Each structure stands twice: as structure tokens, then as C-alpha cells.
Amino acid sequence: MSKLFTKGDNLDPRSLTTLRSALGNIDASVRRTVRMPAHSFTPPVQERDYLGWRDPSAPQRGYLFVERDGALEGIMLTRTRTRTSQQRAVMCEFCRLPRRFEQVALFSAPTSLLKRDQSTFGTYLCVDLDCNARVNAMRPVTQLDPPAEVLVAARRTELATRAQAFVANVLSKTTTG
């Protein structure tokens, strides 16, 4: 869906320099510490509506990138430790699929580049930041559900819209000092 994540485009989605420069809610010193995941993306980058992963050298951190108005925009997230009942199901805000309590966590994004300001904006997301894989694997549950390709296309559109809105919201609140 996203033209920035397609083959043949001038933007190489795995270019660490390109991704680091797109992070709008952290300063240059933190950008230098961003690490790519050790694994390849499944589904492939071209079939994703956003690009997200957890930092292999700092597992509490994650990164989320979307295309918005023809530009790549990204944010750094931090997984917040919360206590959730082990009997409770939790829903990810992006894929809107109910999951077990340990599969969804509160992620917050800093909204200030000032060290003294600790403002954040957060939401509940899948802990692996890979809603794309779950949405692309959706199949009809009953005979009344639409065909799989229609179901997946609709859910991908919704997923992209929610991811773009979250990133836009974080970046609109981000202050530079």
C-alpha cells in the first residue's frame, strides 16, 4: 500500500541512515543508537502498511515508521511496564485484535526533545510491533464474512490509517525547545 516501502523506489526501507533521519521525536544523540532488527521482515517490507520493530540492543525501545503526505516519518517508542491481570485479554490499538495480556503492552513516545521535559504520548500495541503479519494472515471466520482478500484489504487500510494518525499525533505534540 505504501509507495515508500515498494521495490524500485529510491528509498531503501532498510537504509539505517534514512530511517534514523526520519525519527522526529528524538535528538541526534539518541538517533545514533538506533539498531535494525537481526531478522528479516515477514511479511516483506513491500507488503507492510508501517514498519515497526523492537531495538535488539535496547528491548524496551521500539521504532515505528509510516508514510504520510509522501514523506517517511518515524517515532521512537518505549515499552512501559504495566501490571495486567493474567486473566484479561487486551486489544492492540493498531490491529484491533484481542490478544493475551503478555502480547500487548503500553508503548509511550517522547514528545519533547528537551531532557528536562518528560512529556509522552502512548497507546497499547502488540509487543512485537508486527500487526502487519496478523492482519495479512486474517481469514474469514464465518460464511457471512467477506472473502479473505477483501477482509485483509479493509483491515490493512484501517491499520495504515491508525498507525499514521498515531505518528502524526506524537509528532504534532513534539516540542524542540
N, C-alpha and C. Protein backbone atom coordinates (compact mmCIF):
# COMPACT_ATOMS: atom_id res chain seq x y z
N MET A 1 0.80 -1.20 0.00
CA MET A 1 0.00 0.00 0.00
C MET A 1 0.85 1.26 0.00
N SER A 2 1.89 1.26 0.79
CA SER A 2 2.73 2.44 0.89
C SER A 2 3.74 2.48 -0.24
N LYS A 3 3.76 3.58 -0.97
CA LYS A 3 4.71 3.67 -2.08
C LYS A 3 6.15 3.83 -1.60
N LEU A 4 6.36 4.28 -0.35
CA LEU A 4 7.72 4.39 0.16
C LEU A 4 8.33 3.04 0.48
N PHE A 5 7.50 2.03 0.66
CA PHE A 5 8.00 0.72 1.02
C PHE A 5 7.95 -0.24 -0.17
N THR A 6 7.94 0.25 -1.39
CA THR A 6 7.86 -0.63 -2.55
C THR A 6 9.22 -0.82 -3.20
N LYS A 7 9.37 -1.95 -3.90
CA LYS A 7 10.61 -2.21 -4.64
C LYS A 7 10.74 -1.19 -5.76
N GLY A 8 11.95 -0.83 -6.07
CA GLY A 8 12.19 0.08 -7.17
C GLY A 8 12.13 1.54 -6.78
N ASP A 9 11.65 1.82 -5.60
CA ASP A 9 11.60 3.20 -5.14
C ASP A 9 13.02 3.65 -4.76
N ASN A 10 13.28 4.93 -4.80
CA ASN A 10 14.60 5.45 -4.45
C ASN A 10 14.92 5.25 -2.97
N LEU A 11 13.89 5.13 -2.13
CA LEU A 11 14.12 4.95 -0.71
C LEU A 11 14.30 3.47 -0.41
N ASP A 12 15.44 3.13 0.12
CA ASP A 12 15.67 1.76 0.57
C ASP A 12 15.17 1.68 2.00
N PRO A 13 14.07 0.95 2.24
CA PRO A 13 13.48 0.94 3.57
C PRO A 13 14.40 0.35 4.64
N ARG A 14 15.43 -0.35 4.25
CA ARG A 14 16.36 -0.91 5.22
C ARG A 14 17.58 -0.02 5.43
N SER A 15 17.62 1.12 4.80
CA SER A 15 18.74 2.03 4.98
C SER A 15 18.65 2.66 6.36
N LEU A 16 19.57 2.28 7.21
CA LEU A 16 19.55 2.77 8.59
C LEU A 16 19.67 4.28 8.66
N THR A 17 20.49 4.87 7.80
CA THR A 17 20.65 6.32 7.79
C THR A 17 19.34 7.02 7.44
N THR A 18 18.64 6.49 6.44
CA THR A 18 17.35 7.06 6.04
C THR A 18 16.34 6.95 7.18
N LEU A 19 16.29 5.79 7.81
CA LEU A 19 15.34 5.59 8.90
C LEU A 19 15.69 6.46 10.10
N ARG A 20 16.95 6.54 10.44
CA ARG A 20 17.35 7.38 11.58
C ARG A 20 16.97 8.84 11.36
N SER A 21 17.18 9.34 10.15
CA SER A 21 16.87 10.74 9.88
C SER A 21 15.37 11.02 9.90
N ALA A 22 14.54 9.99 9.73
CA ALA A 22 13.09 10.17 9.74
C ALA A 22 12.50 10.20 11.15
N LEU A 23 13.28 9.84 12.16
CA LEU A 23 12.78 9.84 13.53
C LEU A 23 12.62 11.28 14.02
N GLY A 24 11.40 11.71 14.25
CA GLY A 24 11.14 13.11 14.56
C GLY A 24 10.97 13.43 16.02
N ASN A 25 10.94 12.42 16.90
CA ASN A 25 10.69 12.73 18.31
C ASN A 25 11.89 12.46 19.21
N ILE A 26 13.08 12.30 18.62
CA ILE A 26 14.29 12.12 19.42
C ILE A 26 15.42 12.97 18.84
N ASP A 27 16.42 13.26 19.65
CA ASP A 27 17.52 14.10 19.17
C ASP A 27 18.60 13.25 18.51
N ALA A 28 19.58 13.91 17.93
CA ALA A 28 20.63 13.25 17.15
C ALA A 28 21.43 12.25 17.98
N SER A 29 21.67 12.56 19.25
CA SER A 29 22.47 11.64 20.07
C SER A 29 21.76 10.31 20.28
N VAL A 30 20.45 10.33 20.41
CA VAL A 30 19.68 9.09 20.56
C VAL A 30 19.54 8.39 19.20
N ARG A 31 19.39 9.15 18.13
CA ARG A 31 19.28 8.56 16.79
C ARG A 31 20.46 7.66 16.46
N ARG A 32 21.65 8.05 16.91
CA ARG A 32 22.85 7.26 16.61
C ARG A 32 22.80 5.88 17.24
N THR A 33 21.96 5.67 18.25
CA THR A 33 21.91 4.38 18.94
C THR A 33 20.88 3.42 18.33
N VAL A 34 20.14 3.85 17.34
CA VAL A 34 19.11 3.01 16.71
C VAL A 34 19.77 1.82 16.02
N ARG A 35 19.22 0.63 16.26
CA ARG A 35 19.71 -0.59 15.64
C ARG A 35 18.58 -1.27 14.86
N MET A 36 18.96 -1.87 13.74
CA MET A 36 17.99 -2.62 12.93
C MET A 36 17.78 -3.99 13.57
N PRO A 37 16.63 -4.61 13.30
CA PRO A 37 16.40 -5.95 13.85
C PRO A 37 17.33 -6.97 13.18
N ALA A 38 17.63 -8.03 13.89
CA ALA A 38 18.51 -9.07 13.36
C ALA A 38 17.78 -9.93 12.32
N HIS A 39 16.47 -9.97 12.39
CA HIS A 39 15.67 -10.81 11.49
C HIS A 39 15.19 -10.03 10.28
N SER A 40 14.81 -10.73 9.23
CA SER A 40 14.20 -10.06 8.09
C SER A 40 12.72 -9.86 8.39
N PHE A 41 12.10 -8.94 7.71
CA PHE A 41 10.70 -8.62 7.95
C PHE A 41 9.79 -9.62 7.24
N THR A 42 8.80 -10.16 7.98
CA THR A 42 7.79 -11.03 7.41
C THR A 42 6.45 -10.48 7.86
N PRO A 43 5.56 -10.08 6.99
CA PRO A 43 5.69 -10.06 5.53
C PRO A 43 6.78 -9.09 5.09
N PRO A 44 7.19 -9.22 3.82
CA PRO A 44 8.24 -8.33 3.32
C PRO A 44 7.85 -6.86 3.46
N VAL A 45 8.85 -6.02 3.47
CA VAL A 45 8.64 -4.58 3.65
C VAL A 45 7.62 -4.03 2.65
N GLN A 46 7.63 -4.54 1.42
CA GLN A 46 6.74 -4.03 0.39
C GLN A 46 5.26 -4.30 0.71
N GLU A 47 4.96 -5.27 1.56
CA GLU A 47 3.58 -5.62 1.90
C GLU A 47 3.17 -5.05 3.25
N ARG A 48 3.91 -4.10 3.76
CA ARG A 48 3.62 -3.53 5.07
C ARG A 48 2.95 -2.17 4.94
N ASP A 49 2.14 -1.86 5.93
CA ASP A 49 1.47 -0.57 5.97
C ASP A 49 2.19 0.39 6.90
N TYR A 50 3.07 -0.14 7.70
CA TYR A 50 4.00 0.63 8.50
C TYR A 50 5.18 -0.29 8.79
N LEU A 51 6.27 0.28 9.21
CA LEU A 51 7.45 -0.50 9.54
C LEU A 51 7.71 -0.31 11.02
N GLY A 52 7.74 -1.41 11.77
CA GLY A 52 7.97 -1.31 13.20
C GLY A 52 8.78 -2.48 13.71
N TRP A 53 9.64 -2.22 14.69
CA TRP A 53 10.40 -3.30 15.31
C TRP A 53 10.90 -2.85 16.67
N ARG A 54 11.31 -3.82 17.49
CA ARG A 54 11.93 -3.57 18.78
C ARG A 54 13.43 -3.54 18.59
N ASP A 55 14.10 -2.65 19.28
CA ASP A 55 15.56 -2.48 19.17
C ASP A 55 16.25 -3.70 19.81
N PRO A 56 17.08 -4.43 19.04
CA PRO A 56 17.73 -5.61 19.60
C PRO A 56 18.73 -5.30 20.72
N SER A 57 19.29 -4.10 20.74
CA SER A 57 20.26 -3.76 21.79
C SER A 57 19.60 -3.06 22.98
N ALA A 58 18.35 -2.64 22.83
CA ALA A 58 17.60 -1.99 23.92
C ALA A 58 16.14 -2.45 23.79
N PRO A 59 15.81 -3.65 24.29
CA PRO A 59 14.49 -4.25 24.05
C PRO A 59 13.30 -3.43 24.53
N GLN A 60 13.51 -2.50 25.43
CA GLN A 60 12.39 -1.66 25.88
C GLN A 60 12.01 -0.61 24.84
N ARG A 61 12.90 -0.40 23.84
CA ARG A 61 12.65 0.59 22.79
C ARG A 61 12.12 -0.07 21.53
N GLY A 62 11.30 0.69 20.81
CA GLY A 62 10.80 0.26 19.52
C GLY A 62 10.75 1.45 18.58
N TYR A 63 10.61 1.16 17.29
CA TYR A 63 10.57 2.21 16.28
C TYR A 63 9.39 1.96 15.37
N LEU A 64 8.75 3.03 14.95
CA LEU A 64 7.58 2.95 14.10
C LEU A 64 7.70 3.98 12.99
N PHE A 65 7.58 3.53 11.74
CA PHE A 65 7.71 4.40 10.57
C PHE A 65 6.49 4.26 9.69
N VAL A 66 6.00 5.39 9.18
CA VAL A 66 4.85 5.41 8.27
C VAL A 66 5.14 6.38 7.14
N GLU A 67 4.38 6.24 6.08
CA GLU A 67 4.40 7.24 5.02
C GLU A 67 3.23 8.16 5.27
N ARG A 68 3.51 9.46 5.25
CA ARG A 68 2.44 10.45 5.45
C ARG A 68 2.72 11.63 4.55
N ASP A 69 1.77 11.95 3.71
CA ASP A 69 1.90 13.06 2.76
C ASP A 69 3.16 12.92 1.90
N GLY A 70 3.45 11.69 1.49
CA GLY A 70 4.58 11.43 0.60
C GLY A 70 5.94 11.42 1.25
N ALA A 71 5.99 11.52 2.58
CA ALA A 71 7.28 11.54 3.29
C ALA A 71 7.32 10.44 4.34
N LEU A 72 8.51 9.93 4.59
CA LEU A 72 8.71 8.94 5.63
C LEU A 72 8.82 9.65 6.97
N GLU A 73 8.02 9.23 7.94
CA GLU A 73 8.06 9.80 9.28
C GLU A 73 8.17 8.67 10.28
N GLY A 74 8.93 8.88 11.32
CA GLY A 74 9.12 7.84 12.32
C GLY A 74 9.17 8.39 13.72
N ILE A 75 8.92 7.49 14.67
CA ILE A 75 8.99 7.84 16.08
C ILE A 75 9.65 6.70 16.85
N MET A 76 10.27 7.05 17.96
CA MET A 76 10.79 6.04 18.89
C MET A 76 9.74 5.83 19.97
N LEU A 77 9.55 4.58 20.35
CA LEU A 77 8.61 4.22 21.40
C LEU A 77 9.37 3.56 22.54
N THR A 78 8.81 3.63 23.73
CA THR A 78 9.36 2.94 24.88
C THR A 78 8.26 2.09 25.50
N ARG A 79 8.56 0.82 25.70
CA ARG A 79 7.59 -0.07 26.33
C ARG A 79 7.51 0.28 27.81
N THR A 80 6.30 0.52 28.28
CA THR A 80 6.07 0.88 29.67
C THR A 80 5.69 -0.37 30.45
N ARG A 81 6.28 -0.53 31.59
CA ARG A 81 5.93 -1.68 32.43
C ARG A 81 4.59 -1.40 33.11
N THR A 82 3.65 -2.28 32.86
CA THR A 82 2.33 -2.17 33.48
C THR A 82 1.95 -3.53 34.03
N ARG A 83 1.09 -3.53 34.99
CA ARG A 83 0.59 -4.79 35.55
C ARG A 83 -0.81 -5.02 35.01
N THR A 84 -0.97 -6.18 34.39
CA THR A 84 -2.25 -6.54 33.83
C THR A 84 -2.64 -7.90 34.39
N SER A 85 -3.90 -8.06 34.66
CA SER A 85 -4.38 -9.35 35.16
C SER A 85 -4.08 -10.44 34.14
N GLN A 86 -3.62 -11.59 34.62
CA GLN A 86 -3.30 -12.69 33.73
C GLN A 86 -4.54 -13.30 33.11
N GLN A 87 -5.68 -12.96 33.61
CA GLN A 87 -6.93 -13.49 33.08
C GLN A 87 -7.58 -12.55 32.07
N ARG A 88 -6.91 -11.46 31.78
CA ARG A 88 -7.52 -10.42 30.96
C ARG A 88 -6.98 -10.42 29.53
N ALA A 89 -7.88 -10.24 28.59
CA ALA A 89 -7.48 -10.03 27.20
C ALA A 89 -7.31 -8.53 26.98
N VAL A 90 -6.37 -8.16 26.13
CA VAL A 90 -6.09 -6.75 25.85
C VAL A 90 -6.13 -6.57 24.34
N MET A 91 -6.55 -5.40 23.89
CA MET A 91 -6.64 -5.15 22.46
C MET A 91 -5.59 -4.14 22.02
N CYS A 92 -4.89 -4.49 20.94
CA CYS A 92 -3.93 -3.59 20.33
C CYS A 92 -4.70 -2.48 19.61
N GLU A 93 -4.23 -1.25 19.75
CA GLU A 93 -4.91 -0.12 19.12
C GLU A 93 -4.74 -0.12 17.60
N PHE A 94 -3.67 -0.69 17.07
CA PHE A 94 -3.46 -0.68 15.62
C PHE A 94 -4.24 -1.77 14.91
N CYS A 95 -4.01 -3.03 15.27
CA CYS A 95 -4.67 -4.13 14.54
C CYS A 95 -6.06 -4.42 15.07
N ARG A 96 -6.36 -3.93 16.27
CA ARG A 96 -7.67 -4.10 16.90
C ARG A 96 -8.06 -5.58 17.04
N LEU A 97 -7.06 -6.39 17.34
CA LEU A 97 -7.30 -7.81 17.60
C LEU A 97 -7.08 -8.06 19.09
N PRO A 98 -8.03 -8.75 19.74
CA PRO A 98 -7.82 -9.07 21.16
C PRO A 98 -6.71 -10.10 21.29
N ARG A 99 -5.82 -9.90 22.27
CA ARG A 99 -4.68 -10.78 22.46
C ARG A 99 -4.53 -11.06 23.95
N ARG A 100 -3.71 -12.03 24.27
CA ARG A 100 -3.43 -12.33 25.68
C ARG A 100 -2.67 -11.16 26.31
N PHE A 101 -2.76 -11.05 27.62
CA PHE A 101 -2.19 -9.91 28.35
C PHE A 101 -0.72 -9.69 28.08
N GLU A 102 0.07 -10.76 27.87
CA GLU A 102 1.51 -10.59 27.66
C GLU A 102 1.86 -10.26 26.21
N GLN A 103 0.87 -10.24 25.32
CA GLN A 103 1.12 -9.97 23.91
C GLN A 103 0.85 -8.52 23.52
N VAL A 104 0.34 -7.73 24.45
CA VAL A 104 0.05 -6.31 24.21
C VAL A 104 0.64 -5.52 25.38
N ALA A 105 1.26 -4.40 25.07
CA ALA A 105 1.86 -3.56 26.11
C ALA A 105 1.61 -2.09 25.80
N LEU A 106 1.73 -1.28 26.83
CA LEU A 106 1.63 0.16 26.66
C LEU A 106 2.97 0.68 26.17
N PHE A 107 2.95 1.35 25.01
CA PHE A 107 4.14 1.98 24.46
C PHE A 107 3.92 3.48 24.52
N SER A 108 4.95 4.20 24.96
CA SER A 108 4.86 5.66 25.00
C SER A 108 5.97 6.25 24.13
N ALA A 109 5.67 7.38 23.56
CA ALA A 109 6.62 8.08 22.69
C ALA A 109 6.92 9.44 23.31
N PRO A 110 8.20 9.79 23.44
CA PRO A 110 8.54 11.12 23.96
C PRO A 110 8.03 12.20 23.02
N THR A 111 7.51 13.27 23.60
CA THR A 111 7.00 14.37 22.78
C THR A 111 7.78 15.66 23.01
N SER A 112 8.96 15.53 23.56
CA SER A 112 9.81 16.70 23.75
C SER A 112 11.26 16.30 23.55
N LEU A 113 12.01 17.13 22.88
CA LEU A 113 13.43 16.90 22.69
C LEU A 113 14.25 17.46 23.85
N LEU A 114 13.59 18.14 24.77
CA LEU A 114 14.27 18.71 25.94
C LEU A 114 14.47 17.63 26.99
N LYS A 115 15.68 17.53 27.52
CA LYS A 115 15.99 16.50 28.52
C LYS A 115 15.17 16.67 29.80
N ARG A 116 14.86 17.90 30.16
CA ARG A 116 14.14 18.14 31.42
C ARG A 116 12.64 17.90 31.29
N ASP A 117 12.14 17.83 30.09
CA ASP A 117 10.70 17.62 29.86
C ASP A 117 10.45 16.15 29.59
N GLN A 118 9.62 15.53 30.37
CA GLN A 118 9.34 14.10 30.24
C GLN A 118 7.95 13.82 29.65
N SER A 119 7.46 14.70 28.79
CA SER A 119 6.14 14.52 28.19
C SER A 119 6.14 13.33 27.24
N THR A 120 5.09 12.53 27.32
CA THR A 120 4.96 11.38 26.43
C THR A 120 3.52 11.24 25.97
N PHE A 121 3.34 10.44 24.93
CA PHE A 121 2.02 10.11 24.40
C PHE A 121 2.05 8.62 24.12
N GLY A 122 1.05 7.87 24.57
CA GLY A 122 1.14 6.43 24.42
C GLY A 122 -0.15 5.75 24.03
N THR A 123 -0.01 4.45 23.71
CA THR A 123 -1.14 3.61 23.38
C THR A 123 -0.75 2.14 23.55
N TYR A 124 -1.72 1.26 23.57
CA TYR A 124 -1.47 -0.17 23.67
C TYR A 124 -1.23 -0.75 22.29
N LEU A 125 -0.08 -1.44 22.13
CA LEU A 125 0.30 -2.05 20.86
C LEU A 125 0.78 -3.48 21.09
N CYS A 126 0.78 -4.28 20.04
CA CYS A 126 1.34 -5.62 20.11
C CYS A 126 2.82 -5.50 20.49
N VAL A 127 3.30 -6.35 21.40
CA VAL A 127 4.66 -6.20 21.92
C VAL A 127 5.73 -6.34 20.84
N ASP A 128 5.46 -7.09 19.78
CA ASP A 128 6.45 -7.24 18.72
C ASP A 128 6.33 -6.17 17.64
N LEU A 129 5.35 -5.27 17.78
CA LEU A 129 5.10 -4.18 16.82
C LEU A 129 4.89 -4.72 15.41
N ASP A 130 4.31 -5.89 15.29
CA ASP A 130 4.14 -6.53 13.99
C ASP A 130 2.67 -6.86 13.70
N CYS A 131 1.83 -5.86 13.76
CA CYS A 131 0.42 -6.06 13.43
C CYS A 131 0.23 -6.43 11.97
N ASN A 132 1.19 -6.02 11.12
CA ASN A 132 1.11 -6.33 9.69
C ASN A 132 0.95 -7.83 9.45
N ALA A 133 1.75 -8.63 10.14
CA ALA A 133 1.70 -10.08 9.95
C ALA A 133 0.34 -10.65 10.33
N ARG A 134 -0.23 -10.18 11.45
CA ARG A 134 -1.53 -10.68 11.88
C ARG A 134 -2.65 -10.25 10.94
N VAL A 135 -2.61 -9.01 10.50
CA VAL A 135 -3.66 -8.53 9.59
C VAL A 135 -3.57 -9.24 8.24
N ASN A 136 -2.36 -9.45 7.73
CA ASN A 136 -2.21 -10.13 6.44
C ASN A 136 -2.59 -11.61 6.51
N ALA A 137 -2.60 -12.19 7.70
CA ALA A 137 -2.94 -13.60 7.86
C ALA A 137 -4.42 -13.82 8.19
N MET A 138 -5.21 -12.77 8.25
CA MET A 138 -6.62 -12.91 8.63
C MET A 138 -7.39 -13.71 7.58
N ARG A 139 -8.29 -14.54 8.07
CA ARG A 139 -9.16 -15.35 7.22
C ARG A 139 -10.58 -15.22 7.73
N PRO A 140 -11.57 -15.41 6.85
CA PRO A 140 -12.96 -15.34 7.30
C PRO A 140 -13.24 -16.38 8.37
N VAL A 141 -14.04 -15.99 9.36
CA VAL A 141 -14.38 -16.90 10.45
C VAL A 141 -15.69 -17.62 10.17
N THR A 142 -16.63 -16.89 9.60
CA THR A 142 -17.94 -17.49 9.29
C THR A 142 -18.24 -17.31 7.81
N GLN A 143 -19.28 -17.95 7.37
CA GLN A 143 -19.68 -17.83 5.96
C GLN A 143 -20.21 -16.44 5.64
N LEU A 144 -20.58 -15.69 6.65
CA LEU A 144 -21.09 -14.34 6.45
C LEU A 144 -19.98 -13.30 6.28
N ASP A 145 -18.75 -13.68 6.63
CA ASP A 145 -17.62 -12.77 6.48
C ASP A 145 -17.28 -12.60 5.00
N PRO A 146 -16.73 -11.45 4.62
CA PRO A 146 -16.31 -11.25 3.23
C PRO A 146 -15.15 -12.18 2.88
N PRO A 147 -14.83 -12.34 1.60
CA PRO A 147 -13.68 -13.16 1.20
C PRO A 147 -12.39 -12.65 1.85
N ALA A 148 -11.41 -13.54 1.99
CA ALA A 148 -10.17 -13.21 2.69
C ALA A 148 -9.49 -11.97 2.12
N GLU A 149 -9.40 -11.85 0.79
CA GLU A 149 -8.70 -10.70 0.21
C GLU A 149 -9.40 -9.39 0.51
N VAL A 150 -10.73 -9.40 0.57
CA VAL A 150 -11.50 -8.19 0.90
C VAL A 150 -11.29 -7.85 2.38
N LEU A 151 -11.34 -8.87 3.22
CA LEU A 151 -11.15 -8.70 4.66
C LEU A 151 -9.77 -8.13 4.96
N VAL A 152 -8.74 -8.70 4.36
CA VAL A 152 -7.37 -8.24 4.58
C VAL A 152 -7.17 -6.82 4.06
N ALA A 153 -7.69 -6.53 2.87
CA ALA A 153 -7.54 -5.19 2.30
C ALA A 153 -8.18 -4.13 3.20
N ALA A 154 -9.36 -4.42 3.72
CA ALA A 154 -10.04 -3.47 4.60
C ALA A 154 -9.27 -3.27 5.90
N ARG A 155 -8.79 -4.37 6.49
CA ARG A 155 -8.05 -4.27 7.74
C ARG A 155 -6.71 -3.57 7.55
N ARG A 156 -6.05 -3.78 6.38
CA ARG A 156 -4.79 -3.09 6.10
C ARG A 156 -5.00 -1.59 5.99
N THR A 157 -6.09 -1.19 5.35
CA THR A 157 -6.40 0.24 5.23
C THR A 157 -6.61 0.85 6.61
N GLU A 158 -7.36 0.16 7.46
CA GLU A 158 -7.61 0.64 8.82
C GLU A 158 -6.31 0.69 9.63
N LEU A 159 -5.47 -0.33 9.47
CA LEU A 159 -4.19 -0.39 10.18
C LEU A 159 -3.30 0.79 9.78
N ALA A 160 -3.20 1.03 8.49
CA ALA A 160 -2.38 2.15 7.99
C ALA A 160 -2.90 3.48 8.51
N THR A 161 -4.20 3.66 8.51
CA THR A 161 -4.81 4.90 8.98
C THR A 161 -4.51 5.13 10.46
N ARG A 162 -4.66 4.09 11.28
CA ARG A 162 -4.41 4.24 12.72
C ARG A 162 -2.92 4.49 13.01
N ALA A 163 -2.04 3.78 12.30
CA ALA A 163 -0.59 3.99 12.51
C ALA A 163 -0.19 5.41 12.11
N GLN A 164 -0.68 5.88 10.97
CA GLN A 164 -0.36 7.23 10.51
C GLN A 164 -0.90 8.27 11.49
N ALA A 165 -2.10 8.06 11.99
CA ALA A 165 -2.69 9.01 12.94
C ALA A 165 -1.90 9.06 14.24
N PHE A 166 -1.44 7.92 14.71
CA PHE A 166 -0.66 7.90 15.96
C PHE A 166 0.66 8.64 15.78
N VAL A 167 1.37 8.34 14.71
CA VAL A 167 2.65 9.02 14.45
C VAL A 167 2.43 10.52 14.29
N ALA A 168 1.40 10.91 13.55
CA ALA A 168 1.09 12.34 13.36
C ALA A 168 0.79 13.00 14.68
N ASN A 169 0.04 12.32 15.53
CA ASN A 169 -0.31 12.88 16.83
C ASN A 169 0.93 13.09 17.70
N VAL A 170 1.84 12.10 17.73
CA VAL A 170 3.07 12.24 18.51
C VAL A 170 3.91 13.39 17.97
N LEU A 171 4.09 13.44 16.65
CA LEU A 171 4.93 14.49 16.05
C LEU A 171 4.32 15.87 16.20
N SER A 172 2.99 15.97 16.19
CA SER A 172 2.36 17.28 16.36
C SER A 172 2.53 17.81 17.79
N LYS A 173 2.72 16.90 18.74
CA LYS A 173 2.91 17.31 20.14
C LYS A 173 4.39 17.50 20.49
N THR A 174 5.29 17.06 19.60
CA THR A 174 6.72 17.11 19.89
C THR A 174 7.21 18.55 19.84
N THR A 175 7.89 18.94 20.91
CA THR A 175 8.46 20.28 21.02
C THR A 175 9.99 20.18 20.93
N THR A 176 10.58 21.16 20.31
CA THR A 176 12.03 21.15 20.14
C THR A 176 12.73 22.06 21.13
N GLY A 177 12.01 22.86 21.83
CA GLY A 177 12.65 23.70 22.83
C GLY A 177 12.56 25.11 22.46
